[in-house]
Amino acid sequence: MEGTCIKHRFASSSIKMYDKHGCVLRIETTINDVSFFKHHRKVEHRQGPPTRGLAPVKKTICSLLDLREIMLGCNRRYLAHLAALDDFSASVRALDRLTKPRTVEQKTLKESTSLTRSIALLHALQNPRVNIAGIRRADLLPLLDQLFPDRLSRQLRRLRDLGVIKRVARTYSYYLTRIGRAATAALCRITQTVIIPALA
């Protein structure tokens, strides 16, 4: 319907999708506080010489180029998220790959039966707001009342080893990978169309 807009909020940022003139699907990322995002830049210190490191984005003209890349990355991840929802064949192949044993750091990971038992965690990771700036363990804990912090850390590490999520360099934020998006979309669809009706 013309005029319909879907918006997902995360802290001071939001990403929205709407129909432009009835023929174009438009994705926009908006932000009220640019310091919500971080990037690598020169950092001035009160004592000592300046260094280059990860720091909040400044509200200056010099930050426009980096801010443009950050916003573009949000839009691309959101579009990839939407594409995974309809790519059922890729989801089946990804799920098959994720449920097979593999060796990571000389350790053999068993079949990922925990994926089907962690539907709440996967739903949280599939939330579109994750595409804005990733999600941290601290953001997941309020959404998962039944998981203790140490157990959640183990599950996140397992999902990283399986290739479902990836961590942003020098941060504690996670994104779903391409296979992770496809697999979570498949598992959520199975839950909605098979498991829930069977339990009704």
N, C-alpha and C. Protein backbone atom coordinates (compact mmCIF):
# COMPACT_ATOMS: atom_id res chain seq x y z
N MET A 1 0.83 -1.19 0.00
CA MET A 1 0.00 0.00 0.00
C MET A 1 0.87 1.25 0.00
N GLU A 2 0.50 2.21 -0.83
CA GLU A 2 1.27 3.45 -0.91
C GLU A 2 1.21 4.19 0.43
N GLY A 3 2.36 4.67 0.88
CA GLY A 3 2.43 5.36 2.16
C GLY A 3 2.80 4.47 3.33
N THR A 4 2.84 3.15 3.11
CA THR A 4 3.23 2.23 4.18
C THR A 4 4.73 2.27 4.40
N CYS A 5 5.15 2.36 5.65
CA CYS A 5 6.58 2.43 5.98
C CYS A 5 6.86 1.47 7.13
N ILE A 6 7.91 0.69 7.00
CA ILE A 6 8.37 -0.21 8.06
C ILE A 6 9.67 0.35 8.61
N LYS A 7 9.72 0.57 9.92
CA LYS A 7 10.90 1.18 10.54
C LYS A 7 11.36 0.32 11.72
N HIS A 8 12.67 0.14 11.80
CA HIS A 8 13.29 -0.58 12.91
C HIS A 8 14.24 0.39 13.62
N ARG A 9 14.08 0.50 14.93
CA ARG A 9 14.89 1.43 15.72
C ARG A 9 15.92 0.67 16.56
N PHE A 10 17.08 1.29 16.69
CA PHE A 10 18.13 0.75 17.54
C PHE A 10 18.90 1.93 18.13
N ALA A 11 18.69 2.19 19.44
CA ALA A 11 19.28 3.35 20.12
C ALA A 11 18.88 4.62 19.37
N SER A 12 19.86 5.42 18.95
CA SER A 12 19.55 6.69 18.27
C SER A 12 19.45 6.53 16.76
N SER A 13 19.54 5.30 16.27
CA SER A 13 19.51 5.06 14.83
C SER A 13 18.23 4.33 14.44
N SER A 14 17.90 4.41 13.16
CA SER A 14 16.75 3.67 12.64
C SER A 14 16.99 3.37 11.17
N ILE A 15 16.37 2.31 10.72
CA ILE A 15 16.42 1.95 9.30
C ILE A 15 14.99 1.69 8.86
N LYS A 16 14.61 2.25 7.73
CA LYS A 16 13.22 2.14 7.30
C LYS A 16 13.14 1.74 5.84
N MET A 17 11.99 1.18 5.49
CA MET A 17 11.73 0.72 4.13
C MET A 17 10.34 1.19 3.74
N TYR A 18 10.23 1.78 2.54
CA TYR A 18 8.92 2.24 2.10
C TYR A 18 8.85 2.24 0.58
N ASP A 19 7.64 2.38 0.08
CA ASP A 19 7.38 2.36 -1.35
C ASP A 19 7.46 3.79 -1.89
N LYS A 20 8.37 4.02 -2.83
CA LYS A 20 8.56 5.36 -3.40
C LYS A 20 7.81 5.47 -4.72
N HIS A 21 6.78 6.30 -4.73
CA HIS A 21 5.97 6.55 -5.92
C HIS A 21 5.36 5.27 -6.49
N GLY A 22 5.17 4.27 -5.65
CA GLY A 22 4.51 3.05 -6.09
C GLY A 22 5.33 2.16 -7.00
N CYS A 23 6.64 2.46 -7.18
CA CYS A 23 7.43 1.64 -8.11
C CYS A 23 8.84 1.35 -7.61
N VAL A 24 9.28 1.98 -6.55
CA VAL A 24 10.65 1.79 -6.07
C VAL A 24 10.62 1.45 -4.59
N LEU A 25 11.27 0.35 -4.23
CA LEU A 25 11.43 0.00 -2.82
C LEU A 25 12.66 0.74 -2.29
N ARG A 26 12.45 1.64 -1.36
CA ARG A 26 13.54 2.49 -0.89
C ARG A 26 13.93 2.13 0.55
N ILE A 27 15.24 2.05 0.78
CA ILE A 27 15.79 1.75 2.10
C ILE A 27 16.57 2.98 2.58
N GLU A 28 16.32 3.40 3.79
CA GLU A 28 17.02 4.56 4.34
C GLU A 28 17.47 4.28 5.77
N THR A 29 18.69 4.71 6.09
CA THR A 29 19.20 4.66 7.45
C THR A 29 19.32 6.09 7.96
N THR A 30 18.74 6.37 9.09
CA THR A 30 18.81 7.70 9.68
C THR A 30 19.40 7.60 11.08
N ILE A 31 20.03 8.69 11.51
CA ILE A 31 20.68 8.69 12.82
C ILE A 31 20.63 10.10 13.39
N ASN A 32 20.34 10.19 14.68
CA ASN A 32 20.30 11.48 15.37
C ASN A 32 21.60 11.80 16.08
N ASP A 33 22.35 10.79 16.45
CA ASP A 33 23.61 10.99 17.16
C ASP A 33 24.69 10.19 16.44
N VAL A 34 25.54 10.86 15.67
CA VAL A 34 26.54 10.15 14.85
C VAL A 34 27.58 9.44 15.72
N SER A 35 27.76 9.86 16.97
CA SER A 35 28.74 9.20 17.84
C SER A 35 28.32 7.79 18.23
N PHE A 36 27.08 7.41 17.86
CA PHE A 36 26.62 6.04 18.08
C PHE A 36 27.50 5.05 17.32
N PHE A 37 28.00 5.48 16.14
CA PHE A 37 28.87 4.63 15.33
C PHE A 37 30.34 4.94 15.63
N LYS A 38 31.18 3.96 15.41
CA LYS A 38 32.62 4.12 15.60
C LYS A 38 33.36 3.81 14.31
N HIS A 39 34.49 4.46 14.13
CA HIS A 39 35.34 4.20 12.97
C HIS A 39 36.79 4.47 13.36
N HIS A 40 37.71 4.08 12.48
CA HIS A 40 39.13 4.27 12.75
C HIS A 40 39.53 5.68 12.30
N ARG A 41 40.08 6.44 13.21
CA ARG A 41 40.50 7.81 12.91
C ARG A 41 41.60 8.23 13.88
N LYS A 42 42.15 9.43 13.63
CA LYS A 42 43.18 9.97 14.52
C LYS A 42 42.52 10.47 15.80
N VAL A 43 43.05 10.04 16.93
CA VAL A 43 42.49 10.39 18.23
C VAL A 43 43.48 11.29 18.96
N GLU A 44 43.01 12.46 19.36
CA GLU A 44 43.85 13.38 20.13
C GLU A 44 43.76 13.04 21.62
N HIS A 45 44.90 13.10 22.30
CA HIS A 45 44.96 12.81 23.73
C HIS A 45 45.39 14.06 24.50
N ARG A 46 44.95 14.14 25.75
CA ARG A 46 45.36 15.28 26.58
C ARG A 46 46.85 15.26 26.84
N GLN A 47 47.39 14.07 26.97
CA GLN A 47 48.83 13.92 27.17
C GLN A 47 49.36 12.94 26.14
N GLY A 48 50.47 13.27 25.54
CA GLY A 48 51.08 12.40 24.56
C GLY A 48 50.64 12.72 23.15
N PRO A 49 51.30 12.12 22.18
CA PRO A 49 50.99 12.39 20.78
C PRO A 49 49.68 11.72 20.36
N PRO A 50 49.06 12.20 19.28
CA PRO A 50 47.82 11.56 18.79
C PRO A 50 48.10 10.17 18.26
N THR A 51 47.11 9.31 18.36
CA THR A 51 47.21 7.95 17.86
C THR A 51 46.02 7.66 16.94
N ARG A 52 46.11 6.59 16.19
CA ARG A 52 45.02 6.19 15.31
C ARG A 52 44.34 4.95 15.90
N GLY A 53 43.04 5.03 16.10
CA GLY A 53 42.32 3.91 16.70
C GLY A 53 40.83 4.01 16.46
N LEU A 54 40.09 3.09 17.07
CA LEU A 54 38.64 3.04 16.94
C LEU A 54 38.02 4.04 17.90
N ALA A 55 37.24 4.98 17.35
CA ALA A 55 36.65 6.04 18.18
C ALA A 55 35.31 6.44 17.60
N PRO A 56 34.43 7.05 18.43
CA PRO A 56 33.12 7.50 17.92
C PRO A 56 33.26 8.50 16.78
N VAL A 57 32.30 8.47 15.86
CA VAL A 57 32.29 9.40 14.74
C VAL A 57 32.00 10.80 15.26
N LYS A 58 32.74 11.79 14.75
CA LYS A 58 32.52 13.17 15.14
C LYS A 58 31.48 13.82 14.23
N LYS A 59 30.77 14.80 14.77
CA LYS A 59 29.77 15.52 13.99
C LYS A 59 30.44 16.69 13.28
N THR A 60 31.25 16.35 12.26
CA THR A 60 31.96 17.35 11.48
C THR A 60 31.87 17.00 10.00
N ILE A 61 32.20 17.97 9.18
CA ILE A 61 32.19 17.74 7.73
C ILE A 61 33.22 16.67 7.35
N CYS A 62 34.32 16.61 8.08
CA CYS A 62 35.38 15.64 7.77
C CYS A 62 34.90 14.20 7.94
N SER A 63 33.84 14.00 8.69
CA SER A 63 33.34 12.64 8.95
C SER A 63 32.30 12.18 7.92
N LEU A 64 31.93 13.05 6.97
CA LEU A 64 30.85 12.73 6.04
C LEU A 64 31.16 11.50 5.18
N LEU A 65 32.41 11.42 4.69
CA LEU A 65 32.77 10.29 3.83
C LEU A 65 32.68 8.97 4.59
N ASP A 66 33.23 8.94 5.82
CA ASP A 66 33.15 7.71 6.61
C ASP A 66 31.71 7.40 7.01
N LEU A 67 30.95 8.45 7.35
CA LEU A 67 29.55 8.24 7.73
C LEU A 67 28.74 7.72 6.55
N ARG A 68 29.06 8.17 5.36
CA ARG A 68 28.38 7.68 4.16
C ARG A 68 28.62 6.18 3.99
N GLU A 69 29.86 5.72 4.18
CA GLU A 69 30.16 4.30 4.06
C GLU A 69 29.45 3.48 5.13
N ILE A 70 29.35 4.03 6.33
CA ILE A 70 28.66 3.33 7.42
C ILE A 70 27.18 3.18 7.09
N MET A 71 26.55 4.25 6.64
CA MET A 71 25.13 4.21 6.29
C MET A 71 24.88 3.27 5.11
N LEU A 72 25.78 3.31 4.13
CA LEU A 72 25.65 2.42 2.97
C LEU A 72 25.77 0.96 3.40
N GLY A 73 26.66 0.68 4.36
CA GLY A 73 26.79 -0.68 4.87
C GLY A 73 25.52 -1.14 5.56
N CYS A 74 24.87 -0.24 6.31
CA CYS A 74 23.59 -0.58 6.96
C CYS A 74 22.55 -0.96 5.91
N ASN A 75 22.45 -0.16 4.85
CA ASN A 75 21.46 -0.43 3.80
C ASN A 75 21.74 -1.75 3.10
N ARG A 76 23.01 -2.02 2.83
CA ARG A 76 23.36 -3.26 2.14
C ARG A 76 23.05 -4.48 2.99
N ARG A 77 23.35 -4.41 4.29
CA ARG A 77 23.05 -5.54 5.16
C ARG A 77 21.55 -5.76 5.27
N TYR A 78 20.80 -4.67 5.29
CA TYR A 78 19.34 -4.79 5.38
C TYR A 78 18.77 -5.43 4.11
N LEU A 79 19.28 -5.03 2.95
CA LEU A 79 18.83 -5.62 1.69
C LEU A 79 19.21 -7.11 1.62
N ALA A 80 20.41 -7.43 2.10
CA ALA A 80 20.82 -8.85 2.13
C ALA A 80 19.92 -9.64 3.07
N HIS A 81 19.51 -9.01 4.17
CA HIS A 81 18.58 -9.65 5.11
C HIS A 81 17.25 -9.94 4.43
N LEU A 82 16.72 -8.98 3.67
CA LEU A 82 15.45 -9.18 2.96
C LEU A 82 15.58 -10.26 1.89
N ALA A 83 16.71 -10.27 1.21
CA ALA A 83 16.91 -11.26 0.15
C ALA A 83 16.95 -12.68 0.72
N ALA A 84 17.52 -12.84 1.91
CA ALA A 84 17.61 -14.17 2.51
C ALA A 84 16.25 -14.72 2.89
N LEU A 85 15.28 -13.86 3.16
CA LEU A 85 13.96 -14.32 3.57
C LEU A 85 13.24 -15.05 2.44
N ASP A 86 13.56 -14.74 1.20
CA ASP A 86 12.90 -15.36 0.06
C ASP A 86 13.75 -16.43 -0.62
N ASP A 87 15.01 -16.56 -0.22
CA ASP A 87 15.92 -17.49 -0.89
C ASP A 87 15.86 -18.84 -0.18
N PHE A 88 14.78 -19.59 -0.39
CA PHE A 88 14.58 -20.83 0.34
C PHE A 88 15.57 -21.92 -0.06
N SER A 89 15.93 -21.99 -1.34
CA SER A 89 16.86 -23.04 -1.77
C SER A 89 18.23 -22.83 -1.12
N ALA A 90 18.68 -21.59 -1.06
CA ALA A 90 19.97 -21.31 -0.42
C ALA A 90 19.89 -21.62 1.07
N SER A 91 18.74 -21.39 1.67
CA SER A 91 18.58 -21.67 3.10
C SER A 91 18.72 -23.16 3.38
N VAL A 92 18.14 -23.99 2.53
CA VAL A 92 18.23 -25.43 2.73
C VAL A 92 19.68 -25.90 2.61
N ARG A 93 20.40 -25.38 1.60
CA ARG A 93 21.81 -25.77 1.44
C ARG A 93 22.65 -25.29 2.61
N ALA A 94 22.38 -24.07 3.08
CA ALA A 94 23.15 -23.54 4.21
C ALA A 94 22.88 -24.34 5.48
N LEU A 95 21.62 -24.70 5.71
CA LEU A 95 21.27 -25.46 6.91
C LEU A 95 21.92 -26.84 6.88
N ASP A 96 21.97 -27.44 5.70
CA ASP A 96 22.62 -28.74 5.56
C ASP A 96 24.11 -28.65 5.87
N ARG A 97 24.72 -27.56 5.44
CA ARG A 97 26.15 -27.37 5.71
C ARG A 97 26.41 -27.13 7.19
N LEU A 98 25.53 -26.39 7.84
CA LEU A 98 25.74 -26.05 9.25
C LEU A 98 25.50 -27.21 10.19
N THR A 99 24.73 -28.21 9.76
CA THR A 99 24.41 -29.34 10.64
C THR A 99 25.39 -30.50 10.50
N LYS A 100 26.45 -30.32 9.72
CA LYS A 100 27.46 -31.37 9.58
C LYS A 100 28.64 -31.08 10.49
N PRO A 101 29.26 -32.12 11.06
CA PRO A 101 30.42 -31.89 11.93
C PRO A 101 31.56 -31.24 11.17
N ARG A 102 32.37 -30.46 11.88
CA ARG A 102 33.55 -29.85 11.27
C ARG A 102 34.62 -29.68 12.34
N THR A 103 35.87 -29.47 11.89
CA THR A 103 36.99 -29.32 12.80
C THR A 103 37.42 -27.86 12.84
N VAL A 104 37.48 -27.30 14.05
CA VAL A 104 37.91 -25.91 14.25
C VAL A 104 38.97 -25.90 15.34
N GLU A 105 40.16 -25.41 14.99
CA GLU A 105 41.28 -25.34 15.95
C GLU A 105 41.53 -26.70 16.59
N GLN A 106 41.59 -27.73 15.77
CA GLN A 106 41.89 -29.11 16.19
C GLN A 106 40.82 -29.67 17.13
N LYS A 107 39.64 -29.07 17.11
CA LYS A 107 38.52 -29.58 17.90
C LYS A 107 37.37 -29.91 16.96
N THR A 108 36.74 -31.03 17.19
CA THR A 108 35.63 -31.46 16.34
C THR A 108 34.32 -30.96 16.93
N LEU A 109 33.62 -30.16 16.15
CA LEU A 109 32.30 -29.69 16.57
C LEU A 109 31.25 -30.70 16.14
N LYS A 110 30.39 -31.08 17.05
CA LYS A 110 29.35 -32.04 16.73
C LYS A 110 28.26 -31.38 15.88
N GLU A 111 27.30 -32.17 15.49
CA GLU A 111 26.20 -31.65 14.71
C GLU A 111 25.51 -30.52 15.48
N SER A 112 25.06 -29.51 14.76
CA SER A 112 24.51 -28.33 15.41
C SER A 112 23.05 -28.52 15.79
N THR A 113 22.78 -29.49 16.66
CA THR A 113 21.42 -29.67 17.14
C THR A 113 21.01 -28.54 18.06
N SER A 114 22.00 -27.80 18.60
CA SER A 114 21.69 -26.69 19.48
C SER A 114 20.99 -25.56 18.74
N LEU A 115 21.15 -25.53 17.41
CA LEU A 115 20.48 -24.48 16.64
C LEU A 115 18.97 -24.56 16.78
N THR A 116 18.45 -25.78 16.72
CA THR A 116 17.00 -25.92 16.82
C THR A 116 16.51 -25.68 18.24
N ARG A 117 17.41 -25.82 19.23
CA ARG A 117 17.01 -25.59 20.62
C ARG A 117 17.21 -24.15 21.03
N SER A 118 17.79 -23.35 20.17
CA SER A 118 18.08 -21.95 20.51
C SER A 118 17.31 -21.02 19.58
N ILE A 119 16.03 -21.32 19.40
CA ILE A 119 15.21 -20.53 18.49
C ILE A 119 15.13 -19.08 18.95
N ALA A 120 15.06 -18.87 20.25
CA ALA A 120 14.97 -17.50 20.77
C ALA A 120 16.21 -16.69 20.40
N LEU A 121 17.38 -17.32 20.52
CA LEU A 121 18.62 -16.64 20.17
C LEU A 121 18.66 -16.30 18.68
N LEU A 122 18.23 -17.24 17.85
CA LEU A 122 18.24 -17.00 16.41
C LEU A 122 17.25 -15.91 16.02
N HIS A 123 16.09 -15.88 16.68
CA HIS A 123 15.13 -14.81 16.43
C HIS A 123 15.73 -13.46 16.79
N ALA A 124 16.47 -13.41 17.89
CA ALA A 124 17.10 -12.16 18.30
C ALA A 124 18.16 -11.72 17.29
N LEU A 125 18.94 -12.68 16.78
CA LEU A 125 19.96 -12.36 15.79
C LEU A 125 19.35 -11.96 14.45
N GLN A 126 18.13 -12.46 14.19
CA GLN A 126 17.48 -12.16 12.91
C GLN A 126 16.76 -10.82 12.93
N ASN A 127 16.66 -10.19 14.09
CA ASN A 127 15.99 -8.89 14.18
C ASN A 127 16.65 -7.91 13.22
N PRO A 128 15.87 -7.23 12.37
CA PRO A 128 16.47 -6.33 11.37
C PRO A 128 17.33 -5.22 11.96
N ARG A 129 17.14 -4.87 13.23
CA ARG A 129 17.95 -3.80 13.80
C ARG A 129 19.42 -4.19 13.92
N VAL A 130 19.70 -5.51 13.88
CA VAL A 130 21.08 -5.97 13.94
C VAL A 130 21.86 -5.46 12.74
N ASN A 131 21.17 -5.20 11.61
CA ASN A 131 21.83 -4.73 10.40
C ASN A 131 22.35 -3.30 10.53
N ILE A 132 21.92 -2.58 11.56
CA ILE A 132 22.36 -1.19 11.71
C ILE A 132 23.79 -1.13 12.22
N ALA A 133 24.05 -1.73 13.35
CA ALA A 133 25.39 -1.64 13.93
C ALA A 133 25.80 -2.93 14.63
N GLY A 134 25.25 -4.06 14.20
CA GLY A 134 25.57 -5.31 14.86
C GLY A 134 24.86 -5.41 16.20
N ILE A 135 25.18 -6.46 16.94
CA ILE A 135 24.56 -6.65 18.25
C ILE A 135 25.59 -7.26 19.19
N ARG A 136 25.60 -6.82 20.43
CA ARG A 136 26.54 -7.31 21.43
C ARG A 136 25.86 -8.30 22.37
N ARG A 137 26.68 -8.99 23.11
CA ARG A 137 26.11 -9.93 24.07
C ARG A 137 25.23 -9.20 25.08
N ALA A 138 25.66 -8.01 25.48
CA ALA A 138 24.88 -7.22 26.44
C ALA A 138 23.51 -6.84 25.88
N ASP A 139 23.41 -6.69 24.55
CA ASP A 139 22.12 -6.38 23.93
C ASP A 139 21.23 -7.61 23.86
N LEU A 140 21.84 -8.79 23.79
CA LEU A 140 21.07 -10.02 23.67
C LEU A 140 20.52 -10.50 25.01
N LEU A 141 21.25 -10.24 26.09
CA LEU A 141 20.85 -10.76 27.40
C LEU A 141 19.43 -10.35 27.81
N PRO A 142 19.00 -9.08 27.64
CA PRO A 142 17.63 -8.73 28.02
C PRO A 142 16.57 -9.46 27.20
N LEU A 143 16.95 -9.92 26.00
CA LEU A 143 15.99 -10.61 25.13
C LEU A 143 15.91 -12.09 25.43
N LEU A 144 16.90 -12.60 26.18
CA LEU A 144 16.99 -14.05 26.44
C LEU A 144 17.07 -14.26 27.95
N ASP A 145 15.92 -14.26 28.60
CA ASP A 145 15.87 -14.34 30.05
C ASP A 145 16.39 -15.67 30.59
N GLN A 146 16.29 -16.73 29.80
CA GLN A 146 16.63 -18.06 30.29
C GLN A 146 18.10 -18.42 30.10
N LEU A 147 18.89 -17.52 29.50
CA LEU A 147 20.29 -17.80 29.25
C LEU A 147 21.17 -16.99 30.19
N PHE A 148 22.12 -17.66 30.85
CA PHE A 148 23.10 -16.97 31.67
C PHE A 148 24.19 -16.40 30.77
N PRO A 149 24.89 -15.35 31.21
CA PRO A 149 25.91 -14.72 30.37
C PRO A 149 26.98 -15.68 29.87
N ASP A 150 27.47 -16.58 30.74
CA ASP A 150 28.52 -17.50 30.31
C ASP A 150 28.02 -18.48 29.26
N ARG A 151 26.77 -18.94 29.42
CA ARG A 151 26.22 -19.87 28.44
C ARG A 151 25.96 -19.17 27.10
N LEU A 152 25.52 -17.92 27.17
CA LEU A 152 25.32 -17.15 25.94
C LEU A 152 26.64 -16.94 25.22
N SER A 153 27.71 -16.69 25.98
CA SER A 153 29.03 -16.52 25.37
C SER A 153 29.46 -17.79 24.64
N ARG A 154 29.19 -18.95 25.25
CA ARG A 154 29.55 -20.21 24.60
C ARG A 154 28.74 -20.42 23.32
N GLN A 155 27.45 -20.06 23.35
CA GLN A 155 26.63 -20.22 22.16
C GLN A 155 27.08 -19.29 21.05
N LEU A 156 27.44 -18.06 21.41
CA LEU A 156 27.92 -17.12 20.40
C LEU A 156 29.23 -17.60 19.79
N ARG A 157 30.11 -18.14 20.62
CA ARG A 157 31.37 -18.67 20.12
C ARG A 157 31.11 -19.84 19.17
N ARG A 158 30.16 -20.68 19.53
CA ARG A 158 29.83 -21.83 18.68
C ARG A 158 29.27 -21.36 17.33
N LEU A 159 28.41 -20.36 17.37
CA LEU A 159 27.85 -19.82 16.12
C LEU A 159 28.93 -19.17 15.27
N ARG A 160 29.93 -18.57 15.92
CA ARG A 160 31.06 -18.01 15.17
C ARG A 160 31.86 -19.12 14.49
N ASP A 161 32.13 -20.20 15.24
CA ASP A 161 32.90 -21.31 14.67
C ASP A 161 32.15 -21.97 13.51
N LEU A 162 30.83 -21.99 13.60
CA LEU A 162 30.03 -22.60 12.54
C LEU A 162 29.84 -21.67 11.34
N GLY A 163 30.23 -20.42 11.48
CA GLY A 163 30.10 -19.48 10.37
C GLY A 163 28.74 -18.82 10.29
N VAL A 164 27.95 -18.90 11.37
CA VAL A 164 26.62 -18.27 11.37
C VAL A 164 26.73 -16.77 11.61
N ILE A 165 27.65 -16.37 12.50
CA ILE A 165 27.86 -14.95 12.78
C ILE A 165 29.34 -14.64 12.64
N LYS A 166 29.64 -13.36 12.49
CA LYS A 166 31.03 -12.91 12.46
C LYS A 166 31.15 -11.69 13.36
N ARG A 167 32.34 -11.51 13.95
CA ARG A 167 32.56 -10.40 14.85
C ARG A 167 33.26 -9.26 14.13
N VAL A 168 32.81 -8.04 14.39
CA VAL A 168 33.45 -6.88 13.81
C VAL A 168 34.83 -6.71 14.45
N ALA A 169 35.83 -6.45 13.62
CA ALA A 169 37.20 -6.35 14.12
C ALA A 169 37.32 -5.31 15.23
N ARG A 170 38.02 -5.69 16.29
CA ARG A 170 38.31 -4.82 17.44
C ARG A 170 37.05 -4.35 18.17
N THR A 171 35.97 -5.09 18.05
CA THR A 171 34.74 -4.76 18.79
C THR A 171 34.14 -6.06 19.32
N TYR A 172 33.04 -5.94 20.05
CA TYR A 172 32.31 -7.10 20.54
C TYR A 172 30.92 -7.18 19.91
N SER A 173 30.82 -6.62 18.71
CA SER A 173 29.55 -6.64 17.98
C SER A 173 29.57 -7.75 16.95
N TYR A 174 28.39 -8.34 16.71
CA TYR A 174 28.28 -9.46 15.79
C TYR A 174 27.28 -9.15 14.69
N TYR A 175 27.54 -9.72 13.52
CA TYR A 175 26.61 -9.68 12.39
C TYR A 175 26.33 -11.11 11.95
N LEU A 176 25.17 -11.32 11.35
CA LEU A 176 24.92 -12.60 10.69
C LEU A 176 25.70 -12.64 9.38
N THR A 177 26.29 -13.78 9.07
CA THR A 177 26.94 -13.96 7.77
C THR A 177 25.88 -14.26 6.71
N ARG A 178 26.32 -14.38 5.47
CA ARG A 178 25.37 -14.69 4.39
C ARG A 178 24.71 -16.04 4.66
N ILE A 179 25.49 -17.04 5.03
CA ILE A 179 24.93 -18.35 5.34
C ILE A 179 24.09 -18.27 6.61
N GLY A 180 24.52 -17.46 7.58
CA GLY A 180 23.76 -17.31 8.81
C GLY A 180 22.38 -16.73 8.56
N ARG A 181 22.29 -15.72 7.67
CA ARG A 181 20.99 -15.15 7.34
C ARG A 181 20.08 -16.18 6.70
N ALA A 182 20.64 -16.97 5.78
CA ALA A 182 19.84 -17.98 5.11
C ALA A 182 19.39 -19.08 6.08
N ALA A 183 20.30 -19.49 6.97
CA ALA A 183 19.97 -20.57 7.90
C ALA A 183 18.92 -20.13 8.92
N THR A 184 19.07 -18.93 9.47
CA THR A 184 18.09 -18.46 10.45
C THR A 184 16.73 -18.23 9.81
N ALA A 185 16.72 -17.77 8.56
CA ALA A 185 15.45 -17.61 7.86
C ALA A 185 14.76 -18.96 7.69
N ALA A 186 15.56 -20.00 7.35
CA ALA A 186 14.99 -21.33 7.16
C ALA A 186 14.45 -21.89 8.48
N LEU A 187 15.21 -21.73 9.56
CA LEU A 187 14.79 -22.27 10.85
C LEU A 187 13.55 -21.55 11.38
N CYS A 188 13.49 -20.25 11.19
CA CYS A 188 12.32 -19.51 11.64
C CYS A 188 11.08 -19.90 10.84
N ARG A 189 11.27 -20.15 9.54
CA ARG A 189 10.13 -20.57 8.72
C ARG A 189 9.65 -21.96 9.14
N ILE A 190 10.61 -22.85 9.43
CA ILE A 190 10.24 -24.19 9.90
C ILE A 190 9.46 -24.09 11.22
N THR A 191 9.92 -23.20 12.10
CA THR A 191 9.25 -23.03 13.39
C THR A 191 7.82 -22.56 13.20
N GLN A 192 7.62 -21.59 12.30
CA GLN A 192 6.30 -20.99 12.11
C GLN A 192 5.34 -21.91 11.36
N THR A 193 5.87 -22.67 10.40
CA THR A 193 4.97 -23.45 9.53
C THR A 193 4.85 -24.92 9.95
N VAL A 194 5.80 -25.41 10.75
CA VAL A 194 5.78 -26.84 11.10
C VAL A 194 5.66 -27.04 12.62
N ILE A 195 6.62 -26.53 13.37
CA ILE A 195 6.68 -26.82 14.80
C ILE A 195 5.50 -26.24 15.55
N ILE A 196 5.23 -24.94 15.35
CA ILE A 196 4.14 -24.29 16.09
C ILE A 196 2.78 -24.90 15.74
N PRO A 197 2.44 -25.12 14.44
CA PRO A 197 1.17 -25.78 14.15
C PRO A 197 1.07 -27.18 14.72
N ALA A 198 2.23 -27.92 14.77
CA ALA A 198 2.20 -29.28 15.29
C ALA A 198 1.93 -29.29 16.80
N LEU A 199 2.40 -28.24 17.48
CA LEU A 199 2.20 -28.18 18.93
C LEU A 199 0.84 -27.60 19.32
N ALA A 200 0.14 -27.06 18.35
CA ALA A 200 -1.16 -26.42 18.66
C ALA A 200 -2.19 -27.48 19.02
